[in-house]
Amino acid sequence: MTHKQPWEGLPQPAFPPLFISPFMYTLEQLKSRHSVRSYTDEPLSGSEANALRAAISEINSYLPGTRFQLVTGDDTPFRGRFGSYGIFRNVRNYIAAVMDTAVVNALETAGYAGQKVVMAATVHGLGTCFIGGTFSVQNLPIQTRAGEKPVFIIAVGHSSDANGKRLGDKLIRSFSHRRKMTAVDFFDTAKSGMSFEEATKVCPQLAAGLEAIACAPSAMNKRPVRIRVDADGTYHAFVPNMSGFTPVDLGIAKFNFEQVVPGEWERGNDAPFLTF
C-alpha cells in the first residue's frame, strides 16, 4: 500500500518539509549575528570550512534553483574601484549565492538560504555580511550554468577589531539614517485590522516572531518586511514591492521567523504561514 506524505495535497510550502528544522537557532543566537565588514588575515579552519560546506550542501540539495558555492583564500572580487571605497577590508572568503533565476521566487529563496548559511557561520564564531553590489561579478571564480547567476555574495571570516569603526561602516550608517525600530514596528495593524495587543491574544508567538525579524539583516538597513495577521490567526509576510533586493530581505526574514515559531512559510509576497 502506498502511504501519502502528510504534506501532500497542501499548498506549495516555501521550502521542502525535509529541509525544515524548527527551532534550529534560538532568538539569542539570531540576535548575536551582526554585519562584519572588516576581517583579519586568519584563514578559516578546517572545521569552520566544513561547517559552511555542510550548510551549503543541505541548501543545494533541497532548495529549488540553488547552487551556492564557498570560495576561500580569494580577494579578487574586491579589488579595484570598489576596494578603494573602504567598505570592506580583508574579505578573502565568501559564499556565492548562485541561483537559477528562472525559478519562481528565486531571490526570496536565495535570501532564505543565505541566512541559513549566515547562522551556521555565526554559531561557529565567524563574522558575515551580505553583499549585493560592491564586488566584481566578472572576477568570481565560480561555476555557473545557463540561466544561473550570483545574486549576491556573503563575506565570511574572523572579525577584525576595526569592525564598526572604519569608513565603510560609517558610510552604511549614513546611507540608512533610519530611526531605531522595535519588534512592534514590523507588525502592520492596518492590514491586520487589529492592534498588536489584540493580535498577540490570537497569536501568542507573534512577539517572538517579530523580534526574530527585527534582528534580521536587510539591504541598506531598509528593513521592509512586515507581518499581518488574519482574524483566524494566520500570519502573512509581505514587502511593499518585489523590486531590487526586497525579495532577498523577505526570504531572510522568513527564515528568522521560522526559527522561533513552529511552522513554514509558503513562497511569495504576502504568502501565509503554515503552522505545525
Protein backbone atom coordinates (compact mmCIF):
# COMPACT_ATOMS: atom_id res chain seq x y z
CA MET A 1 0.00 0.00 0.00
CA THR A 2 1.26 3.47 -0.87
CA HIS A 3 1.12 5.91 2.03
CA LYS A 4 0.72 9.60 1.29
CA GLN A 5 3.11 12.01 2.94
CA PRO A 6 1.41 14.31 5.49
CA TRP A 7 2.09 17.42 3.40
CA GLU A 8 0.71 16.02 0.14
CA GLY A 9 -2.28 17.96 -1.10
CA LEU A 10 -1.32 21.07 0.87
CA PRO A 11 -0.42 24.37 -0.85
CA GLN A 12 3.19 24.51 -2.01
CA PRO A 13 5.31 25.40 1.02
CA ALA A 14 8.13 27.90 0.87
CA PHE A 15 10.72 25.22 1.38
CA PRO A 16 10.52 21.40 1.20
CA PRO A 17 9.49 19.82 4.54
CA LEU A 18 12.64 17.68 4.63
CA PHE A 19 14.67 20.87 4.74
CA ILE A 20 12.80 22.47 7.62
CA SER A 21 14.23 22.08 11.10
CA PRO A 22 12.08 24.09 13.53
CA PHE A 23 13.91 25.83 16.38
CA MET A 24 17.28 25.30 14.70
CA TYR A 25 18.52 28.58 16.21
CA THR A 26 17.39 30.40 19.32
CA LEU A 27 16.33 34.04 19.40
CA GLU A 28 19.50 34.84 21.33
CA GLN A 29 21.61 33.27 18.57
CA LEU A 30 19.72 35.22 15.90
CA LYS A 31 20.36 38.44 17.83
CA SER A 32 24.07 37.65 18.16
CA ARG A 33 24.56 37.98 14.39
CA HIS A 34 25.81 41.33 13.14
CA SER A 35 27.25 42.52 9.84
CA VAL A 36 31.05 42.39 9.67
CA ARG A 37 32.93 44.40 7.02
CA SER A 38 36.48 44.20 8.35
CA TYR A 39 38.28 40.86 8.72
CA THR A 40 41.61 39.56 9.99
CA ASP A 41 44.08 37.63 7.85
CA GLU A 42 43.35 34.42 9.77
CA PRO A 43 42.14 31.71 7.36
CA LEU A 44 39.11 29.56 8.01
CA SER A 45 39.95 26.44 9.99
CA GLY A 46 39.11 23.03 8.60
CA SER A 47 36.16 22.63 10.96
CA GLU A 48 34.82 26.11 10.11
CA ALA A 49 35.02 25.49 6.37
CA ASN A 50 33.41 22.07 6.77
CA ALA A 51 30.51 23.56 8.76
CA LEU A 52 29.87 26.05 5.96
CA ARG A 53 30.11 23.36 3.29
CA ALA A 54 27.63 21.19 5.20
CA ALA A 55 25.10 24.04 5.35
CA ILE A 56 25.64 24.79 1.66
CA SER A 57 25.26 21.12 0.72
CA GLU A 58 21.91 20.94 2.50
CA ILE A 59 20.74 24.11 0.78
CA ASN A 60 21.76 22.93 -2.67
CA SER A 61 20.13 19.53 -2.09
CA TYR A 62 16.69 20.75 -1.04
CA LEU A 63 16.04 24.32 -2.16
CA PRO A 64 14.95 24.81 -5.79
CA GLY A 65 17.37 26.66 -8.06
CA THR A 66 20.19 26.99 -5.53
CA ARG A 67 23.83 26.23 -6.26
CA PHE A 68 25.66 28.12 -3.53
CA GLN A 69 29.47 27.86 -3.58
CA LEU A 70 32.11 28.53 -0.92
CA VAL A 71 35.27 30.31 -2.07
CA THR A 72 38.24 30.57 0.30
CA GLY A 73 41.53 32.46 0.14
CA ASP A 74 40.44 34.75 -2.70
CA ASP A 75 40.01 38.53 -2.75
CA THR A 76 39.76 39.22 -6.48
CA PRO A 77 36.09 40.33 -6.45
CA PHE A 78 37.04 43.17 -4.07
CA ARG A 79 39.99 44.61 -5.96
CA GLY A 80 39.85 47.81 -7.98
CA ARG A 81 37.42 50.67 -7.57
CA PHE A 82 35.15 49.00 -5.03
CA GLY A 83 38.08 48.22 -2.76
CA SER A 84 39.07 51.90 -2.70
CA TYR A 85 35.75 52.89 -1.12
CA GLY A 86 36.81 51.39 2.19
CA ILE A 87 33.55 49.48 2.54
CA PHE A 88 35.19 46.08 3.09
CA ARG A 89 38.61 45.04 4.30
CA ASN A 90 40.40 41.70 4.03
CA VAL A 91 37.49 39.77 2.54
CA ARG A 92 39.17 36.56 1.43
CA ASN A 93 36.36 34.06 1.99
CA TYR A 94 32.81 34.27 0.73
CA ILE A 95 29.77 32.28 -0.34
CA ALA A 96 28.48 32.98 -3.84
CA ALA A 97 24.68 32.75 -3.91
CA VAL A 98 24.35 31.23 -7.37
CA MET A 99 20.71 30.88 -8.41
CA ASP A 100 18.74 29.68 -11.41
CA THR A 101 16.86 32.94 -11.92
CA ALA A 102 14.12 31.20 -13.92
CA VAL A 103 12.90 29.51 -10.73
CA VAL A 104 9.83 31.19 -9.24
CA ASN A 105 10.70 33.36 -6.22
CA ALA A 106 14.42 32.77 -6.81
CA LEU A 107 15.55 35.86 -4.89
CA GLU A 108 13.36 35.07 -1.90
CA THR A 109 14.75 31.54 -1.83
CA ALA A 110 18.28 32.92 -2.07
CA GLY A 111 17.66 35.18 0.92
CA TYR A 112 16.28 32.32 2.99
CA ALA A 113 19.19 30.06 2.02
CA GLY A 114 21.74 32.81 2.61
CA GLN A 115 20.53 33.45 6.14
CA LYS A 116 20.80 29.74 6.87
CA VAL A 117 24.49 29.84 5.92
CA VAL A 118 24.99 33.06 7.87
CA MET A 119 23.64 31.50 11.04
CA ALA A 120 25.79 28.39 10.56
CA ALA A 121 28.77 30.75 10.42
CA THR A 122 27.57 32.78 13.40
CA VAL A 123 27.33 29.84 15.79
CA HIS A 124 30.88 28.88 14.81
CA GLY A 125 32.14 32.32 15.84
CA LEU A 126 32.52 33.74 12.33
CA GLY A 127 31.53 37.16 11.07
CA THR A 128 29.44 37.60 7.92
CA CYS A 129 27.92 40.25 5.69
CA PHE A 130 25.51 40.09 2.75
CA ILE A 131 27.00 41.95 -0.24
CA GLY A 132 24.74 42.87 -3.13
CA GLY A 133 26.67 45.27 -5.32
CA THR A 134 30.13 46.26 -4.15
CA PHE A 135 32.01 43.41 -5.80
CA SER A 136 33.01 42.41 -9.31
CA VAL A 137 30.80 39.61 -10.63
CA GLN A 138 33.17 39.03 -13.54
CA ASN A 139 36.01 38.14 -11.16
CA LEU A 140 34.14 35.50 -9.20
CA PRO A 141 35.94 32.12 -9.56
CA ILE A 142 32.72 30.12 -9.62
CA GLN A 143 30.88 27.76 -11.91
CA THR A 144 27.59 28.81 -13.49
CA ARG A 145 25.26 27.05 -15.87
CA ALA A 146 22.87 28.54 -18.40
CA GLY A 147 20.31 30.68 -16.61
CA GLU A 148 22.33 30.89 -13.39
CA LYS A 149 23.96 33.94 -11.85
CA PRO A 150 25.30 35.02 -8.45
CA VAL A 151 22.58 37.25 -7.00
CA PHE A 152 24.74 38.26 -4.03
CA ILE A 153 27.71 37.02 -2.05
CA ILE A 154 28.21 36.60 1.69
CA ALA A 155 31.56 37.64 3.14
CA VAL A 156 32.69 35.31 5.92
CA GLY A 157 35.70 35.19 8.21
CA HIS A 158 37.16 36.28 11.54
CA SER A 159 36.05 39.74 12.59
CA SER A 160 38.73 42.42 12.97
CA ASP A 161 38.88 44.73 15.98
CA ALA A 162 38.44 47.57 13.49
CA ASN A 163 34.96 46.37 12.57
CA GLY A 164 32.36 49.11 13.08
CA LYS A 165 34.99 51.87 13.25
CA ARG A 166 36.05 52.17 9.61
CA LEU A 167 34.84 54.39 6.79
CA GLY A 168 32.69 51.64 5.28
CA ASP A 169 30.67 51.18 8.45
CA LYS A 170 30.15 54.94 8.75
CA LEU A 171 29.01 55.08 5.11
CA ILE A 172 26.45 52.34 5.66
CA ARG A 173 25.08 54.12 8.73
CA SER A 174 24.87 57.41 6.83
CA PHE A 175 23.03 55.70 3.95
CA SER A 176 20.42 54.13 6.21
CA HIS A 177 19.71 57.08 8.54
CA ARG A 178 16.69 55.31 9.94
CA ARG A 179 15.16 55.53 13.38
CA LYS A 180 15.70 52.59 15.64
CA MET A 181 12.94 50.05 15.05
CA THR A 182 11.43 47.79 17.66
CA ALA A 183 9.77 44.44 17.06
CA VAL A 184 6.30 46.02 17.15
CA ASP A 185 7.22 48.22 14.17
CA PHE A 186 7.24 45.12 11.96
CA PHE A 187 3.56 44.42 12.66
CA ASP A 188 1.02 46.04 10.31
CA THR A 189 -2.03 46.99 12.36
CA ALA A 190 -3.95 48.48 9.42
CA LYS A 191 -3.74 45.37 7.25
CA SER A 192 -4.38 43.13 10.24
CA GLY A 193 -7.46 45.02 11.34
CA MET A 194 -6.37 44.73 14.96
CA SER A 195 -3.84 46.20 17.36
CA PHE A 196 -0.61 44.46 18.29
CA GLU A 197 -2.06 43.68 21.74
CA GLU A 198 -5.16 42.13 20.18
CA ALA A 199 -3.05 40.14 17.72
CA THR A 200 -0.89 38.64 20.49
CA LYS A 201 -4.04 37.25 22.10
CA VAL A 202 -4.87 35.46 18.85
CA CYS A 203 -1.21 34.57 18.16
CA PRO A 204 0.79 34.23 21.41
CA GLN A 205 4.04 33.60 19.48
CA LEU A 206 3.74 36.75 17.36
CA ALA A 207 6.03 38.83 19.60
CA ALA A 208 8.86 36.30 19.36
CA GLY A 209 8.47 36.09 15.58
CA LEU A 210 8.64 39.87 15.24
CA GLU A 211 11.76 40.01 17.42
CA ALA A 212 13.37 37.48 15.10
CA ILE A 213 12.53 39.64 12.09
CA ALA A 214 13.77 42.77 13.86
CA CYS A 215 17.30 41.33 14.13
CA ALA A 216 17.43 40.06 10.52
CA PRO A 217 19.93 41.69 8.14
CA SER A 218 18.49 43.85 5.38
CA ALA A 219 19.82 45.56 2.26
CA MET A 220 20.93 49.09 3.22
CA ASN A 221 19.12 48.54 6.51
CA LYS A 222 15.77 49.31 4.83
CA ARG A 223 14.01 46.51 6.75
CA PRO A 224 10.86 46.47 4.56
CA VAL A 225 9.28 43.19 5.74
CA ARG A 226 6.04 43.40 7.69
CA ILE A 227 3.75 40.81 9.26
CA ARG A 228 -0.03 40.91 9.23
CA VAL A 229 -2.44 38.53 10.95
CA ASP A 230 -5.83 37.30 9.74
CA ALA A 231 -8.78 37.04 12.08
CA ASP A 232 -8.20 33.27 12.23
CA GLY A 233 -4.60 33.80 13.39
CA THR A 234 -2.85 33.12 10.07
CA TYR A 235 0.40 35.04 9.62
CA HIS A 236 1.33 36.71 6.34
CA ALA A 237 4.76 38.21 5.50
CA PHE A 238 4.95 40.94 2.88
CA VAL A 239 7.07 43.74 1.45
CA PRO A 240 5.81 46.90 -0.32
CA ASN A 241 7.09 45.63 -3.67
CA MET A 242 9.26 42.85 -5.06
CA SER A 243 11.84 45.06 -6.77
CA GLY A 244 15.57 45.20 -6.12
CA PHE A 245 16.70 43.24 -3.07
CA THR A 246 13.37 43.31 -1.23
CA PRO A 247 12.64 39.65 -2.14
CA VAL A 248 16.00 38.74 -0.58
CA ASP A 249 15.01 40.63 2.58
CA LEU A 250 11.69 38.75 2.58
CA GLY A 251 13.46 35.38 2.45
CA ILE A 252 15.86 36.35 5.23
CA ALA A 253 13.03 37.50 7.48
CA LYS A 254 11.03 34.33 6.82
CA PHE A 255 13.99 32.19 7.84
CA ASN A 256 14.38 34.05 11.14
CA PHE A 257 10.65 33.86 11.88
CA GLU A 258 10.62 30.09 11.36
CA GLN A 259 13.36 29.59 13.95
CA VAL A 260 11.15 30.76 16.81
CA VAL A 261 7.62 29.98 15.58
CA PRO A 262 6.83 26.35 14.63
CA GLY A 263 5.70 26.17 11.02
CA GLU A 264 6.82 27.06 7.50
CA TRP A 265 6.16 29.84 5.02
CA GLU A 266 4.71 29.47 1.57
CA ARG A 267 6.76 31.22 -1.09
CA GLY A 268 5.82 34.64 -2.40
CA ASN A 269 4.84 38.10 -1.23
CA ASP A 270 2.03 38.16 1.36
CA ALA A 271 2.09 34.35 1.45
CA PRO A 272 0.64 32.60 4.53
CA PHE A 273 2.48 30.77 7.29
CA LEU A 274 1.56 27.11 7.74
CA THR A 275 1.73 26.24 11.44
CA PHE A 276 2.83 22.82 12.66
